[in-house]
Amino acid sequence: MTKQLNKLVNVLKIVELEPSAAIQRELVLVKVRADNETRSQIVEIVQLFRAKTVDVSPEAVTIEATGSSDKLDAMLKMLEQFGVKELVQSGTIAIGRGARSITDRSLRSLDRSA
């Protein structure tokens, strides 16, 4: 465990972004029970939420979806009826809108003169 922790990338900078000035997303991977009768219903839900089917087996379908937490919660609620076997969900990640970058020094120098 210690060796793995030593391999983690150090945090270099943290920037708090205003929700209106950022693009925010979450990622979810969910494994849902599926058989020949329910698989087509699950695929319809996946398409409705613009998610992706990333793995199919005789007993389950694995789905990848990104979006707001509200969107993902709504999709998961619709999938609950089939039986969620496994779920992995990231926290919210974000990046600022537009050309500005937290690593672009020329843009940061403009901020100081304003």
PDB file of N, CA and C in Angstrom:
ATOM      1  N   MET A   1       0.818  -1.187   0.000  1.00  0.00           N
ATOM      2  CA  MET A   1       0.000   0.000   0.000  1.00  0.00           C
ATOM      3  C   MET A   1       0.866   1.257   0.000  1.00  0.00           C
ATOM      4  N   THR A   2       1.925   1.277   0.778  1.00  0.00           N
ATOM      5  CA  THR A   2       2.801   2.447   0.866  1.00  0.00           C
ATOM      6  C   THR A   2       3.446   2.754  -0.476  1.00  0.00           C
ATOM      7  N   LYS A   3       3.875   1.737  -1.192  1.00  0.00           N
ATOM      8  CA  LYS A   3       4.485   1.945  -2.507  1.00  0.00           C
ATOM      9  C   LYS A   3       3.505   2.591  -3.466  1.00  0.00           C
ATOM     10  N   GLN A   4       2.256   2.160  -3.427  1.00  0.00           N
ATOM     11  CA  GLN A   4       1.244   2.741  -4.303  1.00  0.00           C
ATOM     12  C   GLN A   4       1.003   4.206  -3.966  1.00  0.00           C
ATOM     13  N   LEU A   5       0.937   4.537  -2.692  1.00  0.00           N
ATOM     14  CA  LEU A   5       0.723   5.920  -2.293  1.00  0.00           C
ATOM     15  C   LEU A   5       1.891   6.812  -2.710  1.00  0.00           C
ATOM     16  N   ASN A   6       3.101   6.288  -2.675  1.00  0.00           N
ATOM     17  CA  ASN A   6       4.266   7.062  -3.088  1.00  0.00           C
ATOM     18  C   ASN A   6       4.259   7.349  -4.584  1.00  0.00           C
ATOM     19  N   LYS A   7       3.506   6.583  -5.362  1.00  0.00           N
ATOM     20  CA  LYS A   7       3.434   6.780  -6.806  1.00  0.00           C
ATOM     21  C   LYS A   7       2.402   7.839  -7.199  1.00  0.00           C
ATOM     22  N   LEU A   8       1.593   8.284  -6.268  1.00  0.00           N
ATOM     23  CA  LEU A   8       0.566   9.273  -6.589  1.00  0.00           C
ATOM     24  C   LEU A   8       1.200  10.586  -7.024  1.00  0.00           C
ATOM     25  N   VAL A   9       0.543  11.248  -7.960  1.00  0.00           N
ATOM     26  CA  VAL A   9       1.016  12.538  -8.447  1.00  0.00           C
ATOM     27  C   VAL A   9       0.732  13.592  -7.384  1.00  0.00           C
ATOM     28  N   ASN A  10       1.707  14.426  -7.114  1.00  0.00           N
ATOM     29  CA  ASN A  10       1.521  15.495  -6.131  1.00  0.00           C
ATOM     30  C   ASN A  10       0.568  16.551  -6.682  1.00  0.00           C
ATOM     31  N   VAL A  11      -0.253  17.117  -5.822  1.00  0.00           N
ATOM     32  CA  VAL A  11      -1.134  18.206  -6.210  1.00  0.00           C
ATOM     33  C   VAL A  11      -0.282  19.457  -6.336  1.00  0.00           C
ATOM     34  N   LEU A  12      -0.315  20.073  -7.519  1.00  0.00           N
ATOM     35  CA  LEU A  12       0.486  21.258  -7.767  1.00  0.00           C
ATOM     36  C   LEU A  12      -0.296  22.551  -7.549  1.00  0.00           C
ATOM     37  N   LYS A  13      -1.587  22.506  -7.872  1.00  0.00           N
ATOM     38  CA  LYS A  13      -2.378  23.716  -7.734  1.00  0.00           C
ATOM     39  C   LYS A  13      -3.852  23.344  -7.628  1.00  0.00           C
ATOM     40  N   ILE A  14      -4.562  24.095  -6.827  1.00  0.00           N
ATOM     41  CA  ILE A  14      -6.005  23.936  -6.701  1.00  0.00           C
ATOM     42  C   ILE A  14      -6.633  25.284  -7.030  1.00  0.00           C
ATOM     43  N   VAL A  15      -7.630  25.249  -7.894  1.00  0.00           N
ATOM     44  CA  VAL A  15      -8.330  26.469  -8.280  1.00  0.00           C
ATOM     45  C   VAL A  15      -9.818  26.246  -8.050  1.00  0.00           C
ATOM     46  N   GLU A  16     -10.446  27.168  -7.336  1.00  0.00           N
ATOM     47  CA  GLU A  16     -11.884  27.083  -7.136  1.00  0.00           C
ATOM     48  C   GLU A  16     -12.560  27.799  -8.294  1.00  0.00           C
ATOM     49  N   LEU A  17     -13.394  27.066  -9.011  1.00  0.00           N
ATOM     50  CA  LEU A  17     -14.060  27.610 -10.192  1.00  0.00           C
ATOM     51  C   LEU A  17     -15.514  27.948  -9.876  1.00  0.00           C
ATOM     52  N   GLU A  18     -15.960  29.075 -10.376  1.00  0.00           N
ATOM     53  CA  GLU A  18     -17.371  29.432 -10.253  1.00  0.00           C
ATOM     54  C   GLU A  18     -18.168  28.505 -11.169  1.00  0.00           C
ATOM     55  N   PRO A  19     -19.292  27.967 -10.712  1.00  0.00           N
ATOM     56  CA  PRO A  19     -20.082  27.050 -11.549  1.00  0.00           C
ATOM     57  C   PRO A  19     -20.445  27.630 -12.911  1.00  0.00           C
ATOM     58  N   SER A  20     -20.715  28.921 -12.988  1.00  0.00           N
ATOM     59  CA  SER A  20     -21.089  29.530 -14.265  1.00  0.00           C
ATOM     60  C   SER A  20     -19.907  29.676 -15.218  1.00  0.00           C
ATOM     61  N   ALA A  21     -18.681  29.599 -14.692  1.00  0.00           N
ATOM     62  CA  ALA A  21     -17.485  29.761 -15.517  1.00  0.00           C
ATOM     63  C   ALA A  21     -16.745  28.443 -15.729  1.00  0.00           C
ATOM     64  N   ALA A  22     -17.431  27.323 -15.481  1.00  0.00           N
ATOM     65  CA  ALA A  22     -16.761  26.028 -15.580  1.00  0.00           C
ATOM     66  C   ALA A  22     -17.676  24.985 -16.220  1.00  0.00           C
ATOM     67  N   ILE A  23     -17.045  23.979 -16.785  1.00  0.00           N
ATOM     68  CA  ILE A  23     -17.739  22.808 -17.293  1.00  0.00           C
ATOM     69  C   ILE A  23     -17.533  21.718 -16.250  1.00  0.00           C
ATOM     70  N   GLN A  24     -18.627  21.184 -15.722  1.00  0.00           N
ATOM     71  CA  GLN A  24     -18.546  20.186 -14.655  1.00  0.00           C
ATOM     72  C   GLN A  24     -19.171  18.881 -15.121  1.00  0.00           C
ATOM     73  N   ARG A  25     -18.515  17.762 -14.784  1.00  0.00           N
ATOM     74  CA  ARG A  25     -19.025  16.445 -15.149  1.00  0.00           C
ATOM     75  C   ARG A  25     -18.694  15.435 -14.060  1.00  0.00           C
ATOM     76  N   GLU A  26     -19.466  14.352 -14.051  1.00  0.00           N
ATOM     77  CA  GLU A  26     -19.163  13.182 -13.239  1.00  0.00           C
ATOM     78  C   GLU A  26     -19.151  11.981 -14.166  1.00  0.00           C
ATOM     79  N   LEU A  27     -18.494  10.922 -13.733  1.00  0.00           N
ATOM     80  CA  LEU A  27     -18.429   9.680 -14.499  1.00  0.00           C
ATOM     81  C   LEU A  27     -19.001   8.566 -13.637  1.00  0.00           C
ATOM     82  N   VAL A  28     -19.791   7.678 -14.261  1.00  0.00           N
ATOM     83  CA  VAL A  28     -20.315   6.523 -13.560  1.00  0.00           C
ATOM     84  C   VAL A  28     -20.165   5.293 -14.456  1.00  0.00           C
ATOM     85  N   LEU A  29     -19.735   4.203 -13.848  1.00  0.00           N
ATOM     86  CA  LEU A  29     -19.744   2.884 -14.475  1.00  0.00           C
ATOM     87  C   LEU A  29     -20.689   2.044 -13.643  1.00  0.00           C
ATOM     88  N   VAL A  30     -21.675   1.440 -14.292  1.00  0.00           N
ATOM     89  CA  VAL A  30     -22.680   0.676 -13.558  1.00  0.00           C
ATOM     90  C   VAL A  30     -22.929  -0.654 -14.259  1.00  0.00           C
ATOM     91  N   LYS A  31     -22.938  -1.719 -13.475  1.00  0.00           N
ATOM     92  CA  LYS A  31     -23.226  -3.057 -13.973  1.00  0.00           C
ATOM     93  C   LYS A  31     -24.641  -3.415 -13.540  1.00  0.00           C
ATOM     94  N   VAL A  32     -25.485  -3.716 -14.528  1.00  0.00           N
ATOM     95  CA  VAL A  32     -26.905  -3.961 -14.290  1.00  0.00           C
ATOM     96  C   VAL A  32     -27.242  -5.386 -14.706  1.00  0.00           C
ATOM     97  N   ARG A  33     -28.067  -6.060 -13.901  1.00  0.00           N
ATOM     98  CA  ARG A  33     -28.543  -7.398 -14.274  1.00  0.00           C
ATOM     99  C   ARG A  33     -29.339  -7.293 -15.569  1.00  0.00           C
ATOM    100  N   ALA A  34     -29.074  -8.233 -16.482  1.00  0.00           N
ATOM    101  CA  ALA A  34     -29.800  -8.215 -17.750  1.00  0.00           C
ATOM    102  C   ALA A  34     -29.944  -9.635 -18.266  1.00  0.00           C
ATOM    103  N   ASP A  35     -31.105  -9.910 -18.838  1.00  0.00           N
ATOM    104  CA  ASP A  35     -31.317 -11.181 -19.526  1.00  0.00           C
ATOM    105  C   ASP A  35     -31.883 -10.854 -20.907  1.00  0.00           C
ATOM    106  N   ASN A  36     -32.246 -11.855 -21.660  1.00  0.00           N
ATOM    107  CA  ASN A  36     -32.745 -11.622 -23.011  1.00  0.00           C
ATOM    108  C   ASN A  36     -34.003 -10.766 -23.030  1.00  0.00           C
ATOM    109  N   GLU A  37     -34.803 -10.843 -21.988  1.00  0.00           N
ATOM    110  CA  GLU A  37     -36.053 -10.086 -21.931  1.00  0.00           C
ATOM    111  C   GLU A  37     -35.853  -8.623 -21.559  1.00  0.00           C
ATOM    112  N   THR A  38     -34.886  -8.327 -20.701  1.00  0.00           N
ATOM    113  CA  THR A  38     -34.716  -6.952 -20.205  1.00  0.00           C
ATOM    114  C   THR A  38     -33.613  -6.165 -20.923  1.00  0.00           C
ATOM    115  N   ARG A  39     -32.747  -6.849 -21.642  1.00  0.00           N
ATOM    116  CA  ARG A  39     -31.593  -6.183 -22.260  1.00  0.00           C
ATOM    117  C   ARG A  39     -32.013  -5.027 -23.175  1.00  0.00           C
ATOM    118  N   SER A  40     -33.051  -5.210 -23.985  1.00  0.00           N
ATOM    119  CA  SER A  40     -33.462  -4.143 -24.911  1.00  0.00           C
ATOM    120  C   SER A  40     -33.989  -2.924 -24.145  1.00  0.00           C
ATOM    121  N   GLN A  41     -34.672  -3.129 -23.023  1.00  0.00           N
ATOM    122  CA  GLN A  41     -35.148  -2.013 -22.205  1.00  0.00           C
ATOM    123  C   GLN A  41     -33.970  -1.228 -21.631  1.00  0.00           C
ATOM    124  N   ILE A  42     -32.955  -1.954 -21.196  1.00  0.00           N
ATOM    125  CA  ILE A  42     -31.767  -1.305 -20.637  1.00  0.00           C
ATOM    126  C   ILE A  42     -31.059  -0.486 -21.713  1.00  0.00           C
ATOM    127  N   VAL A  43     -30.924  -1.051 -22.911  1.00  0.00           N
ATOM    128  CA  VAL A  43     -30.275  -0.342 -24.017  1.00  0.00           C
ATOM    129  C   VAL A  43     -31.049   0.933 -24.364  1.00  0.00           C
ATOM    130  N   GLU A  44     -32.367   0.905 -24.305  1.00  0.00           N
ATOM    131  CA  GLU A  44     -33.172   2.109 -24.553  1.00  0.00           C
ATOM    132  C   GLU A  44     -32.867   3.198 -23.530  1.00  0.00           C
ATOM    133  N   ILE A  45     -32.755   2.805 -22.269  1.00  0.00           N
ATOM    134  CA  ILE A  45     -32.424   3.777 -21.220  1.00  0.00           C
ATOM    135  C   ILE A  45     -31.027   4.349 -21.458  1.00  0.00           C
ATOM    136  N   VAL A  46     -30.087   3.494 -21.822  1.00  0.00           N
ATOM    137  CA  VAL A  46     -28.719   3.937 -22.115  1.00  0.00           C
ATOM    138  C   VAL A  46     -28.738   4.979 -23.230  1.00  0.00           C
ATOM    139  N   GLN A  47     -29.468   4.725 -24.290  1.00  0.00           N
ATOM    140  CA  GLN A  47     -29.546   5.665 -25.407  1.00  0.00           C
ATOM    141  C   GLN A  47     -30.241   6.961 -25.000  1.00  0.00           C
ATOM    142  N   LEU A  48     -31.281   6.865 -24.199  1.00  0.00           N
ATOM    143  CA  LEU A  48     -32.013   8.042 -23.740  1.00  0.00           C
ATOM    144  C   LEU A  48     -31.100   9.021 -23.003  1.00  0.00           C
ATOM    145  N   PHE A  49     -30.175   8.482 -22.208  1.00  0.00           N
ATOM    146  CA  PHE A  49     -29.270   9.313 -21.420  1.00  0.00           C
ATOM    147  C   PHE A  49     -27.928   9.548 -22.119  1.00  0.00           C
ATOM    148  N   ARG A  50     -27.826   9.171 -23.386  1.00  0.00           N
ATOM    149  CA  ARG A  50     -26.593   9.324 -24.179  1.00  0.00           C
ATOM    150  C   ARG A  50     -25.394   8.692 -23.483  1.00  0.00           C
ATOM    151  N   ALA A  51     -25.636   7.557 -22.868  1.00  0.00           N
ATOM    152  CA  ALA A  51     -24.572   6.794 -22.222  1.00  0.00           C
ATOM    153  C   ALA A  51     -24.043   5.760 -23.224  1.00  0.00           C
ATOM    154  N   LYS A  52     -23.108   4.922 -22.786  1.00  0.00           N
ATOM    155  CA  LYS A  52     -22.516   3.902 -23.652  1.00  0.00           C
ATOM    156  C   LYS A  52     -22.590   2.544 -22.975  1.00  0.00           C
ATOM    157  N   THR A  53     -22.895   1.539 -23.763  1.00  0.00           N
ATOM    158  CA  THR A  53     -22.796   0.162 -23.283  1.00  0.00           C
ATOM    159  C   THR A  53     -21.353  -0.264 -23.546  1.00  0.00           C
ATOM    160  N   VAL A  54     -20.612  -0.575 -22.485  1.00  0.00           N
ATOM    161  CA  VAL A  54     -19.189  -0.895 -22.647  1.00  0.00           C
ATOM    162  C   VAL A  54     -18.880  -2.375 -22.494  1.00  0.00           C
ATOM    163  N   ASP A  55     -19.841  -3.153 -21.965  1.00  0.00           N
ATOM    164  CA  ASP A  55     -19.631  -4.591 -21.849  1.00  0.00           C
ATOM    165  C   ASP A  55     -20.986  -5.282 -21.732  1.00  0.00           C
ATOM    166  N   VAL A  56     -21.075  -6.435 -22.382  1.00  0.00           N
ATOM    167  CA  VAL A  56     -22.306  -7.220 -22.343  1.00  0.00           C
ATOM    168  C   VAL A  56     -21.937  -8.661 -22.044  1.00  0.00           C
ATOM    169  N   SER A  57     -22.667  -9.270 -21.115  1.00  0.00           N
ATOM    170  CA  SER A  57     -22.509 -10.691 -20.829  1.00  0.00           C
ATOM    171  C   SER A  57     -23.914 -11.289 -20.747  1.00  0.00           C
ATOM    172  N   PRO A  58     -24.033 -12.604 -20.683  1.00  0.00           N
ATOM    173  CA  PRO A  58     -25.375 -13.200 -20.617  1.00  0.00           C
ATOM    174  C   PRO A  58     -26.203 -12.746 -19.411  1.00  0.00           C
ATOM    175  N   GLU A  59     -25.547 -12.344 -18.317  1.00  0.00           N
ATOM    176  CA  GLU A  59     -26.271 -11.955 -17.111  1.00  0.00           C
ATOM    177  C   GLU A  59     -26.227 -10.472 -16.777  1.00  0.00           C
ATOM    178  N   ALA A  60     -25.430  -9.682 -17.502  1.00  0.00           N
ATOM    179  CA  ALA A  60     -25.270  -8.278 -17.117  1.00  0.00           C
ATOM    180  C   ALA A  60     -24.876  -7.409 -18.299  1.00  0.00           C
ATOM    181  N   VAL A  61     -25.124  -6.109 -18.116  1.00  0.00           N
ATOM    182  CA  VAL A  61     -24.692  -5.077 -19.057  1.00  0.00           C
ATOM    183  C   VAL A  61     -23.945  -4.034 -18.234  1.00  0.00           C
ATOM    184  N   THR A  62     -22.772  -3.604 -18.725  1.00  0.00           N
ATOM    185  CA  THR A  62     -22.012  -2.552 -18.049  1.00  0.00           C
ATOM    186  C   THR A  62     -22.144  -1.270 -18.861  1.00  0.00           C
ATOM    187  N   ILE A  63     -22.457  -0.191 -18.163  1.00  0.00           N
ATOM    188  CA  ILE A  63     -22.765   1.085 -18.789  1.00  0.00           C
ATOM    189  C   ILE A  63     -21.808   2.157 -18.288  1.00  0.00           C
ATOM    190  N   GLU A  64     -21.383   3.016 -19.203  1.00  0.00           N
ATOM    191  CA  GLU A  64     -20.561   4.185 -18.877  1.00  0.00           C
ATOM    192  C   GLU A  64     -21.385   5.423 -19.192  1.00  0.00           C
ATOM    193  N   ALA A  65     -21.447   6.348 -18.247  1.00  0.00           N
ATOM    194  CA  ALA A  65     -22.199   7.583 -18.469  1.00  0.00           C
ATOM    195  C   ALA A  65     -21.461   8.749 -17.837  1.00  0.00           C
ATOM    196  N   THR A  66     -21.553   9.892 -18.501  1.00  0.00           N
ATOM    197  CA  THR A  66     -20.989  11.128 -17.955  1.00  0.00           C
ATOM    198  C   THR A  66     -22.065  12.202 -17.990  1.00  0.00           C
ATOM    199  N   GLY A  67     -21.937  13.159 -17.092  1.00  0.00           N
ATOM    200  CA  GLY A  67     -22.878  14.265 -17.079  1.00  0.00           C
ATOM    201  C   GLY A  67     -22.995  14.861 -15.693  1.00  0.00           C
ATOM    202  N   SER A  68     -24.036  15.632 -15.504  1.00  0.00           N
ATOM    203  CA  SER A  68     -24.269  16.250 -14.200  1.00  0.00           C
ATOM    204  C   SER A  68     -24.732  15.181 -13.216  1.00  0.00           C
ATOM    205  N   SER A  69     -24.621  15.481 -11.944  1.00  0.00           N
ATOM    206  CA  SER A  69     -25.063  14.511 -10.942  1.00  0.00           C
ATOM    207  C   SER A  69     -26.560  14.261 -11.045  1.00  0.00           C
ATOM    208  N   ASP A  70     -27.337  15.281 -11.432  1.00  0.00           N
ATOM    209  CA  ASP A  70     -28.783  15.102 -11.605  1.00  0.00           C
ATOM    210  C   ASP A  70     -29.084  14.111 -12.724  1.00  0.00           C
ATOM    211  N   LYS A  71     -28.378  14.251 -13.835  1.00  0.00           N
ATOM    212  CA  LYS A  71     -28.577  13.343 -14.969  1.00  0.00           C
ATOM    213  C   LYS A  71     -28.229  11.910 -14.580  1.00  0.00           C
ATOM    214  N   LEU A  72     -27.091  11.740 -13.926  1.00  0.00           N
ATOM    215  CA  LEU A  72     -26.659  10.398 -13.546  1.00  0.00           C
ATOM    216  C   LEU A  72     -27.596   9.785 -12.512  1.00  0.00           C
ATOM    217  N   ASP A  73     -28.056  10.590 -11.567  1.00  0.00           N
ATOM    218  CA  ASP A  73     -29.008  10.092 -10.569  1.00  0.00           C
ATOM    219  C   ASP A  73     -30.306   9.628 -11.236  1.00  0.00           C
ATOM    220  N   ALA A  74     -30.779  10.383 -12.218  1.00  0.00           N
ATOM    221  CA  ALA A  74     -32.005  10.012 -12.923  1.00  0.00           C
ATOM    222  C   ALA A  74     -31.818   8.699 -13.688  1.00  0.00           C
ATOM    223  N   MET A  75     -30.666   8.540 -14.333  1.00  0.00           N
ATOM    224  CA  MET A  75     -30.399   7.301 -15.065  1.00  0.00           C
ATOM    225  C   MET A  75     -30.335   6.115 -14.102  1.00  0.00           C
ATOM    226  N   LEU A  76     -29.629   6.283 -12.994  1.00  0.00           N
ATOM    227  CA  LEU A  76     -29.502   5.196 -12.020  1.00  0.00           C
ATOM    228  C   LEU A  76     -30.860   4.814 -11.438  1.00  0.00           C
ATOM    229  N   LYS A  77     -31.708   5.810 -11.229  1.00  0.00           N
ATOM    230  CA  LYS A  77     -33.045   5.522 -10.705  1.00  0.00           C
ATOM    231  C   LYS A  77     -33.831   4.654 -11.686  1.00  0.00           C
ATOM    232  N   MET A  78     -33.688   4.929 -12.983  1.00  0.00           N
ATOM    233  CA  MET A  78     -34.396   4.135 -13.993  1.00  0.00           C
ATOM    234  C   MET A  78     -33.811   2.725 -14.114  1.00  0.00           C
ATOM    235  N   LEU A  79     -32.522   2.583 -13.831  1.00  0.00           N
ATOM    236  CA  LEU A  79     -31.877   1.272 -13.945  1.00  0.00           C
ATOM    237  C   LEU A  79     -32.084   0.398 -12.707  1.00  0.00           C
ATOM    238  N   GLU A  80     -32.463   1.000 -11.584  1.00  0.00           N
ATOM    239  CA  GLU A  80     -32.640   0.250 -10.328  1.00  0.00           C
ATOM    240  C   GLU A  80     -33.593  -0.930 -10.470  1.00  0.00           C
ATOM    241  N   GLN A  81     -34.625  -0.781 -11.266  1.00  0.00           N
ATOM    242  CA  GLN A  81     -35.637  -1.832 -11.414  1.00  0.00           C
ATOM    243  C   GLN A  81     -35.061  -3.133 -11.974  1.00  0.00           C
ATOM    244  N   PHE A  82     -33.910  -3.037 -12.663  1.00  0.00           N
ATOM    245  CA  PHE A  82     -33.289  -4.226 -13.245  1.00  0.00           C
ATOM    246  C   PHE A  82     -32.303  -4.887 -12.285  1.00  0.00           C
ATOM    247  N   GLY A  83     -31.868  -4.148 -11.292  1.00  0.00           N
ATOM    248  CA  GLY A  83     -30.929  -4.654 -10.303  1.00  0.00           C
ATOM    249  C   GLY A  83     -29.508  -4.213 -10.597  1.00  0.00           C
ATOM    250  N   VAL A  84     -29.016  -3.276  -9.816  1.00  0.00           N
ATOM    251  CA  VAL A  84     -27.634  -2.792  -9.958  1.00  0.00           C
ATOM    252  C   VAL A  84     -26.724  -3.768  -9.233  1.00  0.00           C
ATOM    253  N   LYS A  85     -25.810  -4.386  -9.974  1.00  0.00           N
ATOM    254  CA  LYS A  85     -24.886  -5.358  -9.387  1.00  0.00           C
ATOM    255  C   LYS A  85     -23.636  -4.680  -8.837  1.00  0.00           C
ATOM    256  N   GLU A  86     -23.211  -3.620  -9.525  1.00  0.00           N
ATOM    257  CA  GLU A  86     -21.978  -2.932  -9.131  1.00  0.00           C
ATOM    258  C   GLU A  86     -22.039  -1.504  -9.640  1.00  0.00           C
ATOM    259  N   LEU A  87     -21.448  -0.582  -8.863  1.00  0.00           N
ATOM    260  CA  LEU A  87     -21.480   0.833  -9.217  1.00  0.00           C
ATOM    261  C   LEU A  87     -20.181   1.496  -8.806  1.00  0.00           C
ATOM    262  N   VAL A  88     -19.596   2.246  -9.736  1.00  0.00           N
ATOM    263  CA  VAL A  88     -18.402   3.046  -9.452  1.00  0.00           C
ATOM    264  C   VAL A  88     -18.695   4.446  -9.973  1.00  0.00           C
ATOM    265  N   GLN A  89     -18.511   5.450  -9.097  1.00  0.00           N
ATOM    266  CA  GLN A  89     -18.849   6.818  -9.489  1.00  0.00           C
ATOM    267  C   GLN A  89     -17.756   7.771  -9.034  1.00  0.00           C
ATOM    268  N   SER A  90     -17.341   8.642  -9.952  1.00  0.00           N
ATOM    269  CA  SER A  90     -16.336   9.649  -9.609  1.00  0.00           C
ATOM    270  C   SER A  90     -17.024  10.804  -8.894  1.00  0.00           C
ATOM    271  N   GLY A  91     -16.229  11.662  -8.350  1.00  0.00           N
ATOM    272  CA  GLY A  91     -16.769  12.925  -7.866  1.00  0.00           C
ATOM    273  C   GLY A  91     -16.826  13.895  -9.030  1.00  0.00           C
ATOM    274  N   THR A  92     -17.255  15.090  -8.758  1.00  0.00           N
ATOM    275  CA  THR A  92     -17.338  16.101  -9.807  1.00  0.00           C
ATOM    276  C   THR A  92     -15.943  16.566 -10.195  1.00  0.00           C
ATOM    277  N   ILE A  93     -15.714  16.634 -11.505  1.00  0.00           N
ATOM    278  CA  ILE A  93     -14.485  17.218 -12.033  1.00  0.00           C
ATOM    279  C   ILE A  93     -14.877  18.425 -12.867  1.00  0.00           C
ATOM    280  N   ALA A  94     -13.970  19.371 -13.020  1.00  0.00           N
ATOM    281  CA  ALA A  94     -14.324  20.598 -13.742  1.00  0.00           C
ATOM    282  C   ALA A  94     -13.116  21.195 -14.431  1.00  0.00           C
ATOM    283  N   ILE A  95     -13.407  21.988 -15.438  1.00  0.00           N
ATOM    284  CA  ILE A  95     -12.384  22.759 -16.142  1.00  0.00           C
ATOM    285  C   ILE A  95     -13.025  24.090 -16.518  1.00  0.00           C
ATOM    286  N   GLY A  96     -12.221  25.146 -16.500  1.00  0.00           N
ATOM    287  CA  GLY A  96     -12.743  26.469 -16.814  1.00  0.00           C
ATOM    288  C   GLY A  96     -13.147  26.594 -18.271  1.00  0.00           C
ATOM    289  N   ARG A  97     -14.146  27.412 -18.520  1.00  0.00           N
ATOM    290  CA  ARG A  97     -14.596  27.666 -19.885  1.00  0.00           C
ATOM    291  C   ARG A  97     -13.624  28.602 -20.588  1.00  0.00           C
ATOM    292  N   GLY A  98     -13.598  28.520 -21.921  1.00  0.00           N
ATOM    293  CA  GLY A  98     -12.823  29.455 -22.728  1.00  0.00           C
ATOM    294  C   GLY A  98     -11.359  29.074 -22.844  1.00  0.00           C
ATOM    295  N   ALA A  99     -10.551  30.026 -23.302  1.00  0.00           N
ATOM    296  CA  ALA A  99      -9.142  29.789 -23.614  1.00  0.00           C
ATOM    297  C   ALA A  99      -8.233  29.817 -22.394  1.00  0.00           C
ATOM    298  N   ARG A 100      -8.704  30.372 -21.302  1.00  0.00           N
ATOM    299  CA  ARG A 100      -7.848  30.500 -20.110  1.00  0.00           C
ATOM    300  C   ARG A 100      -7.471  29.139 -19.558  1.00  0.00           C
ATOM    301  N   SER A 101      -6.246  29.049 -19.064  1.00  0.00           N
ATOM    302  CA  SER A 101      -5.733  27.815 -18.483  1.00  0.00           C
ATOM    303  C   SER A 101      -4.986  28.144 -17.203  1.00  0.00           C
ATOM    304  N   ILE A 102      -5.068  27.260 -16.231  1.00  0.00           N
ATOM    305  CA  ILE A 102      -4.355  27.536 -14.980  1.00  0.00           C
ATOM    306  C   ILE A 102      -2.846  27.384 -15.153  1.00  0.00           C
ATOM    307  N   THR A 103      -2.397  26.791 -16.248  1.00  0.00           N
ATOM    308  CA  THR A 103      -0.962  26.616 -16.479  1.00  0.00           C
ATOM    309  C   THR A 103      -0.408  27.611 -17.493  1.00  0.00           C
ATOM    310  N   ASP A 104      -1.221  28.489 -18.032  1.00  0.00           N
ATOM    311  CA  ASP A 104      -0.789  29.457 -19.037  1.00  0.00           C
ATOM    312  C   ASP A 104      -0.323  30.735 -18.344  1.00  0.00           C
ATOM    313  N   ARG A 105       0.998  30.933 -18.291  1.00  0.00           N
ATOM    314  CA  ARG A 105       1.547  32.093 -17.569  1.00  0.00           C
ATOM    315  C   ARG A 105       1.157  33.411 -18.217  1.00  0.00           C
ATOM    316  N   SER A 106       1.096  33.465 -19.533  1.00  0.00           N
ATOM    317  CA  SER A 106       0.771  34.724 -20.191  1.00  0.00           C
ATOM    318  C   SER A 106      -0.646  35.174 -19.815  1.00  0.00           C
ATOM    319  N   LEU A 107      -1.562  34.259 -19.666  1.00  0.00           N
ATOM    320  CA  LEU A 107      -2.920  34.631 -19.269  1.00  0.00           C
ATOM    321  C   LEU A 107      -2.961  35.058 -17.813  1.00  0.00           C
ATOM    322  N   ARG A 108      -2.144  34.418 -16.965  1.00  0.00           N
ATOM    323  CA  ARG A 108      -2.113  34.805 -15.549  1.00  0.00           C
ATOM    324  C   ARG A 108      -1.530  36.205 -15.374  1.00  0.00           C
ATOM    325  N   SER A 109      -0.534  36.555 -16.202  1.00  0.00           N
ATOM    326  CA  SER A 109       0.064  37.882 -16.082  1.00  0.00           C
ATOM    327  C   SER A 109      -0.945  38.956 -16.473  1.00  0.00           C
ATOM    328  N   LEU A 110      -1.886  38.645 -17.377  1.00  0.00           N
ATOM    329  CA  LEU A 110      -2.926  39.588 -17.723  1.00  0.00           C
ATOM    330  C   LEU A 110      -3.840  39.863 -16.545  1.00  0.00           C
ATOM    331  N   ASP A 111      -4.077  38.850 -15.712  1.00  0.00           N
ATOM    332  CA  ASP A 111      -4.938  39.021 -14.554  1.00  0.00           C
ATOM    333  C   ASP A 111      -4.353  40.030 -13.583  1.00  0.00           C
ATOM    334  N   ARG A 112      -3.053  40.044 -13.419  1.00  0.00           N
ATOM    335  CA  ARG A 112      -2.415  40.961 -12.462  1.00  0.00           C
ATOM    336  C   ARG A 112      -2.522  42.416 -12.876  1.00  0.00           C
ATOM    337  N   SER A 113      -2.527  42.673 -14.199  1.00  0.00           N
ATOM    338  CA  SER A 113      -2.572  44.039 -14.659  1.00  0.00           C
ATOM    339  C   SER A 113      -3.996  44.584 -14.680  1.00  0.00           C
ATOM    340  N   ALA A 114      -4.981  43.714 -14.515  1.00  0.00           N
ATOM    341  CA  ALA A 114      -6.387  44.162 -14.581  1.00  0.00           C
ATOM    342  C   ALA A 114      -6.859  44.761 -13.281  1.00  0.00           C
TER     343      ALA A 114
END
